[in-house]
Amino acid sequence: VKVTVTGEASRPVIEVELTDAWVWDMYRKTRFIPRVRVLTFKDVNVEELPPQEL
C-alpha cells in the first residue's frame, strides 16, 4: 500500500496504490485485481489481511 497526499490542506487529494487488492466499486465487475490506483478527496478504508487468510 502506498498513500500520497497532495493538494491544499483544506481539500487534500489522496492517492492510494494497491497490489493484489479487493476493490468495491459498483461499476466494476471484477473485485480482485492485481494493481489499482485510487484518487479521491473523501475517506478511504484500507484493511490488510493476515498472511494466513491470503
N, C-alpha and C. Protein backbone atom coordinates (compact mmCIF):
# COMPACT_ATOMS: atom_id res chain seq x y z
N VAL A 1 0.85 -1.17 0.00
CA VAL A 1 0.00 0.00 0.00
C VAL A 1 0.90 1.23 0.00
N LYS A 2 0.61 2.13 -0.93
CA LYS A 2 1.34 3.40 -0.98
C LYS A 2 0.31 4.52 -0.96
N VAL A 3 0.44 5.44 -0.02
CA VAL A 3 -0.50 6.56 0.12
C VAL A 3 0.26 7.86 -0.09
N THR A 4 -0.28 8.72 -0.96
CA THR A 4 0.30 10.03 -1.22
C THR A 4 -0.79 11.08 -1.08
N VAL A 5 -0.52 12.12 -0.31
CA VAL A 5 -1.48 13.21 -0.11
C VAL A 5 -0.92 14.46 -0.78
N THR A 6 -1.71 15.06 -1.67
CA THR A 6 -1.30 16.29 -2.35
C THR A 6 -2.44 17.30 -2.28
N GLY A 7 -2.22 18.46 -2.82
CA GLY A 7 -3.27 19.48 -2.84
C GLY A 7 -3.20 20.37 -1.62
N GLU A 8 -4.20 21.19 -1.48
CA GLU A 8 -4.27 22.14 -0.37
C GLU A 8 -4.71 21.44 0.91
N ALA A 9 -4.31 21.97 2.04
CA ALA A 9 -4.66 21.37 3.32
C ALA A 9 -6.17 21.35 3.54
N SER A 10 -6.88 22.34 3.02
CA SER A 10 -8.33 22.40 3.21
C SER A 10 -9.06 21.36 2.36
N ARG A 11 -8.46 20.92 1.26
CA ARG A 11 -9.09 19.91 0.40
C ARG A 11 -7.99 19.05 -0.24
N PRO A 12 -7.41 18.15 0.54
CA PRO A 12 -6.32 17.33 0.01
C PRO A 12 -6.83 16.27 -0.97
N VAL A 13 -5.97 15.88 -1.89
CA VAL A 13 -6.26 14.78 -2.80
C VAL A 13 -5.44 13.60 -2.31
N ILE A 14 -6.10 12.47 -2.11
CA ILE A 14 -5.44 11.28 -1.60
C ILE A 14 -5.29 10.28 -2.75
N GLU A 15 -4.07 9.81 -2.95
CA GLU A 15 -3.79 8.79 -3.96
C GLU A 15 -3.35 7.53 -3.23
N VAL A 16 -4.05 6.42 -3.48
CA VAL A 16 -3.73 5.15 -2.85
C VAL A 16 -3.41 4.15 -3.96
N GLU A 17 -2.24 3.53 -3.88
CA GLU A 17 -1.86 2.49 -4.83
C GLU A 17 -1.82 1.16 -4.09
N LEU A 18 -2.52 0.16 -4.63
CA LEU A 18 -2.61 -1.16 -4.01
C LEU A 18 -2.22 -2.24 -5.01
N THR A 19 -1.67 -3.34 -4.50
CA THR A 19 -1.42 -4.51 -5.34
C THR A 19 -2.13 -5.70 -4.71
N ASP A 20 -2.57 -6.63 -5.58
CA ASP A 20 -3.34 -7.81 -5.14
C ASP A 20 -4.46 -7.38 -4.20
N ALA A 21 -5.37 -6.58 -4.71
CA ALA A 21 -6.39 -5.95 -3.88
C ALA A 21 -7.80 -6.40 -4.23
N TRP A 22 -8.68 -6.30 -3.24
CA TRP A 22 -10.11 -6.48 -3.43
C TRP A 22 -10.68 -5.08 -3.36
N VAL A 23 -11.33 -4.65 -4.44
CA VAL A 23 -11.84 -3.28 -4.53
C VAL A 23 -13.34 -3.31 -4.76
N TRP A 24 -14.09 -2.58 -3.93
CA TRP A 24 -15.53 -2.47 -4.14
C TRP A 24 -15.79 -1.20 -4.93
N ASP A 25 -16.41 -1.40 -6.07
CA ASP A 25 -16.83 -0.29 -6.93
C ASP A 25 -18.09 -0.76 -7.63
N MET A 26 -19.18 -0.04 -7.50
CA MET A 26 -20.45 -0.50 -8.06
C MET A 26 -20.42 -0.66 -9.57
N TYR A 27 -19.46 -0.06 -10.24
CA TYR A 27 -19.37 -0.16 -11.70
C TYR A 27 -18.35 -1.22 -12.15
N ARG A 28 -17.65 -1.85 -11.21
CA ARG A 28 -16.61 -2.82 -11.55
C ARG A 28 -17.16 -4.23 -11.41
N LYS A 29 -17.01 -5.05 -12.45
CA LYS A 29 -17.47 -6.44 -12.39
C LYS A 29 -16.50 -7.32 -11.61
N THR A 30 -15.21 -7.06 -11.74
CA THR A 30 -14.19 -7.85 -11.06
C THR A 30 -13.77 -7.14 -9.78
N ARG A 31 -13.78 -7.85 -8.67
CA ARG A 31 -13.42 -7.26 -7.38
C ARG A 31 -11.93 -7.45 -7.06
N PHE A 32 -11.38 -8.64 -7.37
CA PHE A 32 -9.96 -8.90 -7.13
C PHE A 32 -9.16 -8.43 -8.33
N ILE A 33 -8.22 -7.54 -8.11
CA ILE A 33 -7.42 -7.02 -9.21
C ILE A 33 -5.95 -6.97 -8.79
N PRO A 34 -5.03 -7.14 -9.76
CA PRO A 34 -3.61 -7.20 -9.41
C PRO A 34 -3.01 -5.85 -9.00
N ARG A 35 -3.54 -4.76 -9.55
CA ARG A 35 -2.99 -3.44 -9.23
C ARG A 35 -4.07 -2.39 -9.42
N VAL A 36 -4.16 -1.45 -8.50
CA VAL A 36 -5.17 -0.40 -8.61
C VAL A 36 -4.61 0.91 -8.05
N ARG A 37 -5.07 1.99 -8.63
CA ARG A 37 -4.72 3.34 -8.17
C ARG A 37 -6.03 4.08 -7.91
N VAL A 38 -6.20 4.58 -6.71
CA VAL A 38 -7.41 5.29 -6.31
C VAL A 38 -7.06 6.75 -6.05
N LEU A 39 -7.81 7.65 -6.67
CA LEU A 39 -7.66 9.09 -6.42
C LEU A 39 -8.97 9.58 -5.82
N THR A 40 -8.90 10.24 -4.68
CA THR A 40 -10.12 10.68 -4.01
C THR A 40 -9.83 11.88 -3.12
N PHE A 41 -10.89 12.56 -2.73
CA PHE A 41 -10.77 13.61 -1.72
C PHE A 41 -11.67 13.25 -0.54
N LYS A 42 -12.21 12.04 -0.54
CA LYS A 42 -13.06 11.56 0.55
C LYS A 42 -12.32 10.48 1.34
N ASP A 43 -13.00 9.91 2.32
CA ASP A 43 -12.42 8.85 3.14
C ASP A 43 -12.17 7.59 2.32
N VAL A 44 -11.10 6.90 2.65
CA VAL A 44 -10.76 5.62 2.04
C VAL A 44 -10.44 4.65 3.16
N ASN A 45 -11.02 3.47 3.12
CA ASN A 45 -10.71 2.43 4.11
C ASN A 45 -9.82 1.39 3.47
N VAL A 46 -8.70 1.10 4.11
CA VAL A 46 -7.77 0.08 3.64
C VAL A 46 -7.54 -0.89 4.78
N GLU A 47 -7.75 -2.18 4.52
CA GLU A 47 -7.50 -3.22 5.52
C GLU A 47 -6.55 -4.24 4.93
N GLU A 48 -5.55 -4.63 5.70
CA GLU A 48 -4.60 -5.65 5.25
C GLU A 48 -4.96 -6.96 5.92
N LEU A 49 -5.10 -8.02 5.11
CA LEU A 49 -5.42 -9.33 5.64
C LEU A 49 -4.18 -9.98 6.24
N PRO A 50 -4.36 -10.76 7.31
CA PRO A 50 -3.23 -11.52 7.84
C PRO A 50 -2.77 -12.54 6.78
N PRO A 51 -1.48 -12.88 6.75
CA PRO A 51 -0.96 -13.79 5.72
C PRO A 51 -1.71 -15.12 5.62
N GLN A 52 -2.21 -15.67 6.72
CA GLN A 52 -2.91 -16.95 6.67
C GLN A 52 -4.23 -16.87 5.91
N GLU A 53 -4.81 -15.69 5.73
CA GLU A 53 -6.07 -15.53 5.00
C GLU A 53 -5.86 -15.29 3.52
N LEU A 54 -4.63 -15.11 3.08
CA LEU A 54 -4.35 -14.85 1.68
C LEU A 54 -4.33 -16.10 0.92
